[in-house]
Amino acid sequence: MGIDVVVSGSRKIGEAMADLGDFQLVMVDGRLVSPDEAPPLRWNEVRLRSAAGIITVQRRGEGIAVVVFGNATPELIAAQQRIAKAFSP
């Protein structure tokens, strides 16, 4: 079970990733991606790597959910909050 932060509406993934800087896109819709691959225009689920761990971003209707495991460390929860803020319109 995870901890979700839901963002109503969202910015494009490329815009959000540009603001995040130190996060790396590692998986798109179950497919591993290379570090230099540009974020896709269409996606349902992506995984981002931070220094604190992996965070999942899922499309939910018109918004997104930023998800971490229920036993997430305070550092991972802080990373989750940064991602949610970067995706906020």
C-alpha atoms as a PDB file:
ATOM      1  CA  MET A   1       0.000   0.000   0.000  1.00  0.00           C
ATOM      2  CA  GLY A   2       1.272   3.440  -0.880  1.00  0.00           C
ATOM      3  CA  ILE A   3       1.004   7.045   0.149  1.00  0.00           C
ATOM      4  CA  ASP A   4      -0.568   9.167  -2.607  1.00  0.00           C
ATOM      5  CA  VAL A   5      -0.370  12.894  -3.185  1.00  0.00           C
ATOM      6  CA  VAL A   6      -2.955  13.813  -5.830  1.00  0.00           C
ATOM      7  CA  VAL A   7      -2.500  16.879  -8.037  1.00  0.00           C
ATOM      8  CA  SER A   8      -5.604  18.169  -9.848  1.00  0.00           C
ATOM      9  CA  GLY A   9      -4.593  19.057 -13.390  1.00  0.00           C
ATOM     10  CA  SER A  10      -0.908  18.927 -14.135  1.00  0.00           C
ATOM     11  CA  ARG A  11       1.903  20.452 -16.112  1.00  0.00           C
ATOM     12  CA  LYS A  12       3.548  18.501 -18.925  1.00  0.00           C
ATOM     13  CA  ILE A  13       6.132  15.999 -17.754  1.00  0.00           C
ATOM     14  CA  GLY A  14       8.966  17.757 -19.601  1.00  0.00           C
ATOM     15  CA  GLU A  15       8.196  21.029 -17.804  1.00  0.00           C
ATOM     16  CA  ALA A  16       8.016  19.331 -14.415  1.00  0.00           C
ATOM     17  CA  MET A  17      11.243  17.383 -15.004  1.00  0.00           C
ATOM     18  CA  ALA A  18      13.055  20.597 -15.989  1.00  0.00           C
ATOM     19  CA  ASP A  19      12.088  22.117 -12.623  1.00  0.00           C
ATOM     20  CA  LEU A  20      13.134  18.997 -10.694  1.00  0.00           C
ATOM     21  CA  GLY A  21      16.669  18.860 -12.076  1.00  0.00           C
ATOM     22  CA  ASP A  22      18.183  16.166  -9.857  1.00  0.00           C
ATOM     23  CA  PHE A  23      15.444  13.570 -10.507  1.00  0.00           C
ATOM     24  CA  GLN A  24      15.936  10.989 -13.253  1.00  0.00           C
ATOM     25  CA  LEU A  25      13.243   9.377 -15.402  1.00  0.00           C
ATOM     26  CA  VAL A  26      13.878   5.620 -15.201  1.00  0.00           C
ATOM     27  CA  MET A  27      10.677   3.921 -16.405  1.00  0.00           C
ATOM     28  CA  VAL A  28       7.726   4.814 -18.634  1.00  0.00           C
ATOM     29  CA  ASP A  29       4.661   2.559 -18.727  1.00  0.00           C
ATOM     30  CA  GLY A  30       6.671  -0.454 -17.539  1.00  0.00           C
ATOM     31  CA  ARG A  31       9.573   0.137 -19.944  1.00  0.00           C
ATOM     32  CA  LEU A  32      13.055   1.072 -18.736  1.00  0.00           C
ATOM     33  CA  VAL A  33      14.388   4.209 -20.395  1.00  0.00           C
ATOM     34  CA  SER A  34      17.908   5.501 -20.918  1.00  0.00           C
ATOM     35  CA  PRO A  35      19.052   8.483 -18.839  1.00  0.00           C
ATOM     36  CA  ASP A  36      19.253  10.771 -21.859  1.00  0.00           C
ATOM     37  CA  GLU A  37      15.814   9.883 -23.244  1.00  0.00           C
ATOM     38  CA  ALA A  38      13.359  12.781 -23.392  1.00  0.00           C
ATOM     39  CA  PRO A  39      10.116  12.451 -21.429  1.00  0.00           C
ATOM     40  CA  PRO A  40       7.282  11.237 -23.681  1.00  0.00           C
ATOM     41  CA  LEU A  41       4.241  13.339 -24.516  1.00  0.00           C
ATOM     42  CA  ARG A  42       1.854  10.466 -23.694  1.00  0.00           C
ATOM     43  CA  TRP A  43       2.237   8.207 -20.683  1.00  0.00           C
ATOM     44  CA  ASN A  44       0.154   6.551 -17.958  1.00  0.00           C
ATOM     45  CA  GLU A  45       2.793   5.803 -15.343  1.00  0.00           C
ATOM     46  CA  VAL A  46       6.381   6.921 -14.894  1.00  0.00           C
ATOM     47  CA  ARG A  47       8.970   6.198 -12.249  1.00  0.00           C
ATOM     48  CA  LEU A  48      11.447   8.806 -11.142  1.00  0.00           C
ATOM     49  CA  ARG A  49      14.676   8.182  -9.241  1.00  0.00           C
ATOM     50  CA  SER A  50      15.785  10.559  -6.536  1.00  0.00           C
ATOM     51  CA  ALA A  51      18.626  10.302  -4.054  1.00  0.00           C
ATOM     52  CA  ALA A  52      16.027   9.075  -1.528  1.00  0.00           C
ATOM     53  CA  GLY A  53      14.509   6.366  -3.754  1.00  0.00           C
ATOM     54  CA  ILE A  54      12.003   5.659  -6.523  1.00  0.00           C
ATOM     55  CA  ILE A  55       8.725   7.572  -6.840  1.00  0.00           C
ATOM     56  CA  THR A  56       5.802   6.592  -9.091  1.00  0.00           C
ATOM     57  CA  VAL A  57       3.730   9.188 -10.943  1.00  0.00           C
ATOM     58  CA  GLN A  58       0.396   7.934 -12.313  1.00  0.00           C
ATOM     59  CA  ARG A  59      -2.217   9.654 -14.455  1.00  0.00           C
ATOM     60  CA  ARG A  60      -5.591   9.765 -12.711  1.00  0.00           C
ATOM     61  CA  GLY A  61      -8.331  11.388 -14.747  1.00  0.00           C
ATOM     62  CA  GLU A  62      -7.359  15.012 -15.384  1.00  0.00           C
ATOM     63  CA  GLY A  63      -4.656  14.951 -12.715  1.00  0.00           C
ATOM     64  CA  ILE A  64      -1.831  12.819 -11.412  1.00  0.00           C
ATOM     65  CA  ALA A  65      -0.953  10.894  -8.271  1.00  0.00           C
ATOM     66  CA  VAL A  66       2.577  10.877  -6.868  1.00  0.00           C
ATOM     67  CA  VAL A  67       3.001   7.581  -4.998  1.00  0.00           C
ATOM     68  CA  VAL A  68       5.586   6.205  -2.560  1.00  0.00           C
ATOM     69  CA  PHE A  69       5.555   3.032  -0.478  1.00  0.00           C
ATOM     70  CA  GLY A  70       3.814   3.188   2.895  1.00  0.00           C
ATOM     71  CA  ASN A  71       7.131   2.725   4.717  1.00  0.00           C
ATOM     72  CA  ALA A  72       8.768   5.698   2.967  1.00  0.00           C
ATOM     73  CA  THR A  73      11.501   7.592   4.770  1.00  0.00           C
ATOM     74  CA  PRO A  74      11.080  11.297   5.549  1.00  0.00           C
ATOM     75  CA  GLU A  75      13.541  12.031   2.703  1.00  0.00           C
ATOM     76  CA  LEU A  76      11.425  10.092   0.199  1.00  0.00           C
ATOM     77  CA  ILE A  77       8.255  11.842   1.352  1.00  0.00           C
ATOM     78  CA  ALA A  78      10.033  15.199   0.889  1.00  0.00           C
ATOM     79  CA  ALA A  79      10.977  14.118  -2.659  1.00  0.00           C
ATOM     80  CA  GLN A  80       7.338  13.125  -3.266  1.00  0.00           C
ATOM     81  CA  GLN A  81       6.225  16.615  -2.200  1.00  0.00           C
ATOM     82  CA  ARG A  82       8.777  18.243  -4.540  1.00  0.00           C
ATOM     83  CA  ILE A  83       7.466  16.199  -7.469  1.00  0.00           C
ATOM     84  CA  ALA A  84       3.846  17.051  -6.643  1.00  0.00           C
ATOM     85  CA  LYS A  85       4.776  20.754  -6.518  1.00  0.00           C
ATOM     86  CA  ALA A  86       6.644  20.530  -9.854  1.00  0.00           C
ATOM     87  CA  PHE A  87       3.582  18.975 -11.547  1.00  0.00           C
ATOM     88  CA  SER A  88       1.134  21.480 -10.031  1.00  0.00           C
ATOM     89  CA  PRO A  89      -0.263  23.921 -12.597  1.00  0.00           C
END
